[in-house]
């Protein structure tokens, strides 16, 4: 399998010439699932950062206001 990934099919004379198509299809499916999962993770993280930025802005606005009454 390493030869197919590294050098491409049919480039060696040592009998390790290529993966069978079924293995290549399985690898392709696993890679697509892996990439899809990590894209979702990155998107979720981006949304979390946007939410945090929003709440920080709200906190800054509330600190800028003068409190009308304070309880001691």
PDB file of N, CA and C in Angstrom:
ATOM      1  N   UNK A   1       0.827  -1.197   0.000  1.00  0.00           N
ATOM      2  CA  UNK A   1       0.000   0.000   0.000  1.00  0.00           C
ATOM      3  C   UNK A   1       0.869   1.257   0.000  1.00  0.00           C
ATOM      4  N   UNK A   2       2.005   1.221   0.689  1.00  0.00           N
ATOM      5  CA  UNK A   2       2.870   2.390   0.735  1.00  0.00           C
ATOM      6  C   UNK A   2       3.361   2.777  -0.655  1.00  0.00           C
ATOM      7  N   UNK A   3       3.693   1.776  -1.466  1.00  0.00           N
ATOM      8  CA  UNK A   3       4.189   2.059  -2.804  1.00  0.00           C
ATOM      9  C   UNK A   3       3.151   2.824  -3.623  1.00  0.00           C
ATOM     10  N   UNK A   4       1.898   2.397  -3.536  1.00  0.00           N
ATOM     11  CA  UNK A   4       0.843   3.069  -4.300  1.00  0.00           C
ATOM     12  C   UNK A   4       0.692   4.512  -3.857  1.00  0.00           C
ATOM     13  N   UNK A   5       0.775   4.744  -2.548  1.00  0.00           N
ATOM     14  CA  UNK A   5       0.612   6.104  -2.042  1.00  0.00           C
ATOM     15  C   UNK A   5       1.826   6.969  -2.342  1.00  0.00           C
ATOM     16  N   UNK A   6       3.007   6.373  -2.248  1.00  0.00           N
ATOM     17  CA  UNK A   6       4.225   7.146  -2.361  1.00  0.00           C
ATOM     18  C   UNK A   6       4.665   7.335  -3.811  1.00  0.00           C
ATOM     19  N   UNK A   7       4.737   6.238  -4.569  1.00  0.00           N
ATOM     20  CA  UNK A   7       5.323   6.294  -5.906  1.00  0.00           C
ATOM     21  C   UNK A   7       4.297   6.201  -7.029  1.00  0.00           C
ATOM     22  N   UNK A   8       3.157   5.640  -6.759  1.00  0.00           N
ATOM     23  CA  UNK A   8       2.171   5.440  -7.808  1.00  0.00           C
ATOM     24  C   UNK A   8       2.193   4.006  -8.285  1.00  0.00           C
ATOM     25  N   UNK A   9       1.120   3.561  -8.894  1.00  0.00           N
ATOM     26  CA  UNK A   9       1.028   2.164  -9.320  1.00  0.00           C
ATOM     27  C   UNK A   9       2.005   1.833 -10.442  1.00  0.00           C
ATOM     28  N   UNK A  10       2.583   0.636 -10.357  1.00  0.00           N
ATOM     29  CA  UNK A  10       3.395   0.112 -11.447  1.00  0.00           C
ATOM     30  C   UNK A  10       4.776   0.697 -11.589  1.00  0.00           C
ATOM     31  N   UNK A  11       5.346   1.308 -10.574  1.00  0.00           N
ATOM     32  CA  UNK A  11       6.649   1.947 -10.716  1.00  0.00           C
ATOM     33  C   UNK A  11       7.791   1.160 -10.097  1.00  0.00           C
ATOM     34  N   UNK A  12       7.516  -0.020  -9.542  1.00  0.00           N
ATOM     35  CA  UNK A  12       8.574  -0.829  -8.941  1.00  0.00           C
ATOM     36  C   UNK A  12       8.614  -2.202  -9.590  1.00  0.00           C
ATOM     37  N   UNK A  13       9.798  -2.808  -9.603  1.00  0.00           N
ATOM     38  CA  UNK A  13       9.967  -4.155 -10.156  1.00  0.00           C
ATOM     39  C   UNK A  13      10.066  -5.217  -9.073  1.00  0.00           C
ATOM     40  N   UNK A  14       9.808  -4.859  -7.830  1.00  0.00           N
ATOM     41  CA  UNK A  14       9.974  -5.806  -6.730  1.00  0.00           C
ATOM     42  C   UNK A  14       8.689  -6.569  -6.391  1.00  0.00           C
ATOM     43  N   UNK A  15       7.709  -6.551  -7.256  1.00  0.00           N
ATOM     44  CA  UNK A  15       6.462  -7.255  -7.007  1.00  0.00           C
ATOM     45  C   UNK A  15       5.453  -6.418  -6.241  1.00  0.00           C
ATOM     46  N   UNK A  16       5.861  -5.296  -5.739  1.00  0.00           N
ATOM     47  CA  UNK A  16       4.968  -4.406  -5.003  1.00  0.00           C
ATOM     48  C   UNK A  16       4.497  -3.323  -5.966  1.00  0.00           C
ATOM     49  N   UNK A  17       3.730  -3.726  -6.964  1.00  0.00           N
ATOM     50  CA  UNK A  17       3.453  -2.825  -8.082  1.00  0.00           C
ATOM     51  C   UNK A  17       2.296  -1.875  -7.856  1.00  0.00           C
ATOM     52  N   UNK A  18       1.221  -2.338  -7.254  1.00  0.00           N
ATOM     53  CA  UNK A  18       0.069  -1.453  -7.100  1.00  0.00           C
ATOM     54  C   UNK A  18      -0.931  -2.057  -6.135  1.00  0.00           C
ATOM     55  N   UNK A  19      -1.790  -1.215  -5.636  1.00  0.00           N
ATOM     56  CA  UNK A  19      -2.893  -1.697  -4.812  1.00  0.00           C
ATOM     57  C   UNK A  19      -3.992  -2.206  -5.730  1.00  0.00           C
ATOM     58  N   UNK A  20      -4.769  -3.127  -5.241  1.00  0.00           N
ATOM     59  CA  UNK A  20      -5.923  -3.529  -6.032  1.00  0.00           C
ATOM     60  C   UNK A  20      -6.971  -2.430  -5.920  1.00  0.00           C
ATOM     61  N   UNK A  21      -7.804  -2.241  -6.921  1.00  0.00           N
ATOM     62  CA  UNK A  21      -8.766  -1.139  -6.911  1.00  0.00           C
ATOM     63  C   UNK A  21      -9.666  -1.111  -5.675  1.00  0.00           C
ATOM     64  N   UNK A  22     -10.004  -2.273  -5.134  1.00  0.00           N
ATOM     65  CA  UNK A  22     -10.855  -2.308  -3.950  1.00  0.00           C
ATOM     66  C   UNK A  22     -10.169  -1.606  -2.774  1.00  0.00           C
ATOM     67  N   UNK A  23      -8.878  -1.849  -2.591  1.00  0.00           N
ATOM     68  CA  UNK A  23      -8.134  -1.181  -1.524  1.00  0.00           C
ATOM     69  C   UNK A  23      -8.062   0.324  -1.767  1.00  0.00           C
ATOM     70  N   UNK A  24      -7.872   0.718  -3.010  1.00  0.00           N
ATOM     71  CA  UNK A  24      -7.813   2.138  -3.340  1.00  0.00           C
ATOM     72  C   UNK A  24      -9.153   2.797  -3.054  1.00  0.00           C
ATOM     73  N   UNK A  25     -10.246   2.133  -3.379  1.00  0.00           N
ATOM     74  CA  UNK A  25     -11.577   2.676  -3.116  1.00  0.00           C
ATOM     75  C   UNK A  25     -11.808   2.819  -1.612  1.00  0.00           C
ATOM     76  N   UNK A  26     -11.410   1.806  -0.856  1.00  0.00           N
ATOM     77  CA  UNK A  26     -11.573   1.853   0.603  1.00  0.00           C
ATOM     78  C   UNK A  26     -10.752   2.998   1.195  1.00  0.00           C
ATOM     79  N   UNK A  27      -9.528   3.142   0.720  1.00  0.00           N
ATOM     80  CA  UNK A  27      -8.676   4.233   1.196  1.00  0.00           C
ATOM     81  C   UNK A  27      -9.299   5.586   0.865  1.00  0.00           C
ATOM     82  N   UNK A  28      -9.812   5.714  -0.346  1.00  0.00           N
ATOM     83  CA  UNK A  28     -10.434   6.961  -0.770  1.00  0.00           C
ATOM     84  C   UNK A  28     -11.635   7.306   0.110  1.00  0.00           C
ATOM     85  N   UNK A  29     -12.446   6.312   0.436  1.00  0.00           N
ATOM     86  CA  UNK A  29     -13.614   6.542   1.287  1.00  0.00           C
ATOM     87  C   UNK A  29     -13.202   6.947   2.698  1.00  0.00           C
ATOM     88  N   UNK A  30     -12.180   6.274   3.226  1.00  0.00           N
ATOM     89  CA  UNK A  30     -11.705   6.616   4.568  1.00  0.00           C
ATOM     90  C   UNK A  30     -11.118   8.021   4.596  1.00  0.00           C
ATOM     91  N   UNK A  31     -10.379   8.371   3.559  1.00  0.00           N
ATOM     92  CA  UNK A  31      -9.801   9.707   3.485  1.00  0.00           C
ATOM     93  C   UNK A  31     -10.895  10.770   3.394  1.00  0.00           C
ATOM     94  N   UNK A  32     -11.921  10.522   2.590  1.00  0.00           N
ATOM     95  CA  UNK A  32     -13.029  11.470   2.465  1.00  0.00           C
ATOM     96  C   UNK A  32     -13.749  11.644   3.799  1.00  0.00           C
ATOM     97  N   UNK A  33     -13.953  10.557   4.529  1.00  0.00           N
ATOM     98  CA  UNK A  33     -14.601  10.641   5.841  1.00  0.00           C
ATOM     99  C   UNK A  33     -13.735  11.434   6.820  1.00  0.00           C
ATOM    100  N   UNK A  34     -12.429  11.181   6.802  1.00  0.00           N
ATOM    101  CA  UNK A  34     -11.495  11.886   7.681  1.00  0.00           C
ATOM    102  C   UNK A  34     -11.511  13.386   7.392  1.00  0.00           C
ATOM    103  N   UNK A  35     -11.420  13.747   6.123  1.00  0.00           N
ATOM    104  CA  UNK A  35     -11.400  15.161   5.738  1.00  0.00           C
ATOM    105  C   UNK A  35     -12.729  15.821   6.094  1.00  0.00           C
ATOM    106  N   UNK A  36     -13.835  15.141   5.836  1.00  0.00           N
ATOM    107  CA  UNK A  36     -15.145  15.692   6.175  1.00  0.00           C
ATOM    108  C   UNK A  36     -15.295  15.946   7.663  1.00  0.00           C
ATOM    109  N   UNK A  37     -14.843  14.998   8.463  1.00  0.00           N
ATOM    110  CA  UNK A  37     -14.918  15.153   9.921  1.00  0.00           C
ATOM    111  C   UNK A  37     -14.103  16.353  10.377  1.00  0.00           C
ATOM    112  N   UNK A  38     -12.901  16.494   9.861  1.00  0.00           N
ATOM    113  CA  UNK A  38     -12.047  17.593  10.298  1.00  0.00           C
ATOM    114  C   UNK A  38     -12.527  18.938   9.763  1.00  0.00           C
ATOM    115  N   UNK A  39     -13.170  18.958   8.625  1.00  0.00           N
ATOM    116  CA  UNK A  39     -13.774  20.216   8.152  1.00  0.00           C
ATOM    117  C   UNK A  39     -14.886  20.655   9.092  1.00  0.00           C
ATOM    118  N   UNK A  40     -15.694  19.682   9.558  1.00  0.00           N
ATOM    119  CA  UNK A  40     -16.757  20.015  10.510  1.00  0.00           C
ATOM    120  C   UNK A  40     -16.178  20.511  11.828  1.00  0.00           C
ATOM    121  N   UNK A  41     -15.091  19.893  12.277  1.00  0.00           N
ATOM    122  CA  UNK A  41     -14.451  20.327  13.521  1.00  0.00           C
ATOM    123  C   UNK A  41     -13.954  21.762  13.390  1.00  0.00           C
ATOM    124  N   UNK A  42     -13.308  22.072  12.285  1.00  0.00           N
ATOM    125  CA  UNK A  42     -12.793  23.427  12.065  1.00  0.00           C
ATOM    126  C   UNK A  42     -13.945  24.425  11.970  1.00  0.00           C
ATOM    127  N   UNK A  43     -15.033  24.057  11.293  1.00  0.00           N
ATOM    128  CA  UNK A  43     -16.189  24.947  11.186  1.00  0.00           C
ATOM    129  C   UNK A  43     -16.809  25.193  12.562  1.00  0.00           C
ATOM    130  N   UNK A  44     -16.941  24.148  13.373  1.00  0.00           N
ATOM    131  CA  UNK A  44     -17.478  24.303  14.729  1.00  0.00           C
ATOM    132  C   UNK A  44     -16.588  25.211  15.566  1.00  0.00           C
ATOM    133  N   UNK A  45     -15.290  25.053  15.434  1.00  0.00           N
ATOM    134  CA  UNK A  45     -14.360  25.894  16.178  1.00  0.00           C
ATOM    135  C   UNK A  45     -14.492  27.350  15.736  1.00  0.00           C
ATOM    136  N   UNK A  46     -14.648  27.571  14.439  1.00  0.00           N
ATOM    137  CA  UNK A  46     -14.836  28.930  13.931  1.00  0.00           C
ATOM    138  C   UNK A  46     -16.096  29.569  14.489  1.00  0.00           C
ATOM    139  N   UNK A  47     -17.180  28.791  14.561  1.00  0.00           N
ATOM    140  CA  UNK A  47     -18.418  29.313  15.143  1.00  0.00           C
ATOM    141  C   UNK A  47     -18.235  29.617  16.625  1.00  0.00           C
ATOM    142  N   UNK A  48     -17.503  28.776  17.328  1.00  0.00           N
ATOM    143  CA  UNK A  48     -17.239  29.023  18.752  1.00  0.00           C
ATOM    144  C   UNK A  48     -16.453  30.317  18.942  1.00  0.00           C
ATOM    145  N   UNK A  49     -15.480  30.549  18.089  1.00  0.00           N
ATOM    146  CA  UNK A  49     -14.713  31.798  18.178  1.00  0.00           C
ATOM    147  C   UNK A  49     -15.594  33.009  17.892  1.00  0.00           C
ATOM    148  N   UNK A  50     -16.484  32.892  16.916  1.00  0.00           N
ATOM    149  CA  UNK A  50     -17.393  33.996  16.599  1.00  0.00           C
ATOM    150  C   UNK A  50     -18.317  34.281  17.781  1.00  0.00           C
ATOM    151  N   UNK A  51     -18.822  33.232  18.421  1.00  0.00           N
ATOM    152  CA  UNK A  51     -19.672  33.422  19.599  1.00  0.00           C
ATOM    153  C   UNK A  51     -18.899  34.088  20.726  1.00  0.00           C
ATOM    154  N   UNK A  52     -17.675  33.653  20.948  1.00  0.00           N
ATOM    155  CA  UNK A  52     -16.854  34.252  22.004  1.00  0.00           C
ATOM    156  C   UNK A  52     -16.598  35.727  21.715  1.00  0.00           C
ATOM    157  N   UNK A  53     -16.312  36.050  20.474  1.00  0.00           N
ATOM    158  CA  UNK A  53     -16.086  37.444  20.081  1.00  0.00           C
ATOM    159  C   UNK A  53     -17.337  38.278  20.343  1.00  0.00           C
ATOM    160  N   UNK A  54     -18.506  37.727  20.024  1.00  0.00           N
ATOM    161  CA  UNK A  54     -19.771  38.423  20.243  1.00  0.00           C
ATOM    162  C   UNK A  54     -19.988  38.695  21.735  1.00  0.00           C
ATOM    163  N   UNK A  55     -19.768  37.682  22.573  1.00  0.00           N
ATOM    164  CA  UNK A  55     -19.977  37.866  24.004  1.00  0.00           C
ATOM    165  C   UNK A  55     -18.954  38.821  24.614  1.00  0.00           C
ATOM    166  N   UNK A  56     -17.742  38.846  24.088  1.00  0.00           N
ATOM    167  CA  UNK A  56     -16.761  39.824  24.564  1.00  0.00           C
ATOM    168  C   UNK A  56     -17.197  41.249  24.232  1.00  0.00           C
ATOM    169  N   UNK A  57     -17.764  41.442  23.040  1.00  0.00           N
ATOM    170  CA  UNK A  57     -18.266  42.768  22.674  1.00  0.00           C
ATOM    171  C   UNK A  57     -19.409  43.177  23.587  1.00  0.00           C
ATOM    172  N   UNK A  58     -20.314  42.248  23.891  1.00  0.00           N
ATOM    173  CA  UNK A  58     -21.412  42.554  24.809  1.00  0.00           C
ATOM    174  C   UNK A  58     -20.884  42.916  26.193  1.00  0.00           C
ATOM    175  N   UNK A  59     -19.875  42.198  26.654  1.00  0.00           N
ATOM    176  CA  UNK A  59     -19.291  42.491  27.964  1.00  0.00           C
ATOM    177  C   UNK A  59     -18.634  43.869  27.974  1.00  0.00           C
ATOM    178  N   UNK A  60     -17.938  44.218  26.904  1.00  0.00           N
ATOM    179  CA  UNK A  60     -17.312  45.540  26.819  1.00  0.00           C
ATOM    180  C   UNK A  60     -18.365  46.636  26.846  1.00  0.00           C
ATOM    181  N   UNK A  61     -19.458  46.439  26.125  1.00  0.00           N
ATOM    182  CA  UNK A  61     -20.538  47.438  26.119  1.00  0.00           C
ATOM    183  C   UNK A  61     -21.142  47.600  27.504  1.00  0.00           C
ATOM    184  N   UNK A  62     -21.334  46.496  28.202  1.00  0.00           N
ATOM    185  CA  UNK A  62     -21.933  46.598  29.534  1.00  0.00           C
ATOM    186  C   UNK A  62     -20.981  47.283  30.512  1.00  0.00           C
ATOM    187  N   UNK A  63     -19.677  47.125  30.330  1.00  0.00           N
ATOM    188  CA  UNK A  63     -18.718  47.804  31.197  1.00  0.00           C
ATOM    189  C   UNK A  63     -18.640  49.296  30.898  1.00  0.00           C
ATOM    190  N   UNK A  64     -18.943  49.688  29.667  1.00  0.00           N
ATOM    191  CA  UNK A  64     -18.897  51.099  29.293  1.00  0.00           C
ATOM    192  C   UNK A  64     -20.053  51.878  29.901  1.00  0.00           C
ATOM    193  N   UNK A  65     -21.149  51.213  30.170  1.00  0.00           N
ATOM    194  CA  UNK A  65     -22.319  51.888  30.740  1.00  0.00           C
ATOM    195  C   UNK A  65     -22.060  52.261  32.193  1.00  0.00           C
ATOM    196  N   UNK A  66     -22.657  53.353  32.584  1.00  0.00           N
ATOM    197  CA  UNK A  66     -22.605  53.753  33.985  1.00  0.00           C
ATOM    198  C   UNK A  66     -23.768  53.074  34.696  1.00  0.00           C
ATOM    199  N   UNK A  67     -23.520  52.425  35.813  1.00  0.00           N
ATOM    200  CA  UNK A  67     -24.644  51.841  36.545  1.00  0.00           C
ATOM    201  C   UNK A  67     -25.505  52.944  37.161  1.00  0.00           C
ATOM    202  N   UNK A  68     -26.825  52.796  37.043  1.00  0.00           N
ATOM    203  CA  UNK A  68     -27.726  53.823  37.568  1.00  0.00           C
ATOM    204  C   UNK A  68     -27.757  53.790  39.086  1.00  0.00           C
ATOM    205  N   UNK A  69     -27.822  52.619  39.648  1.00  0.00           N
ATOM    206  CA  UNK A  69     -27.842  52.495  41.098  1.00  0.00           C
ATOM    207  C   UNK A  69     -26.878  51.393  41.506  1.00  0.00           C
ATOM    208  N   UNK A  70     -26.183  51.629  42.565  1.00  0.00           N
ATOM    209  CA  UNK A  70     -25.307  50.590  43.089  1.00  0.00           C
ATOM    210  C   UNK A  70     -25.767  50.219  44.486  1.00  0.00           C
ATOM    211  N   UNK A  71     -25.685  48.975  44.809  1.00  0.00           N
ATOM    212  CA  UNK A  71     -26.074  48.502  46.131  1.00  0.00           C
ATOM    213  C   UNK A  71     -24.800  48.211  46.909  1.00  0.00           C
ATOM    214  N   UNK A  72     -24.746  48.770  48.110  1.00  0.00           N
ATOM    215  CA  UNK A  72     -23.556  48.551  48.930  1.00  0.00           C
ATOM    216  C   UNK A  72     -23.882  47.733  50.138  1.00  0.00           C
TER     217      UNK A  72
END
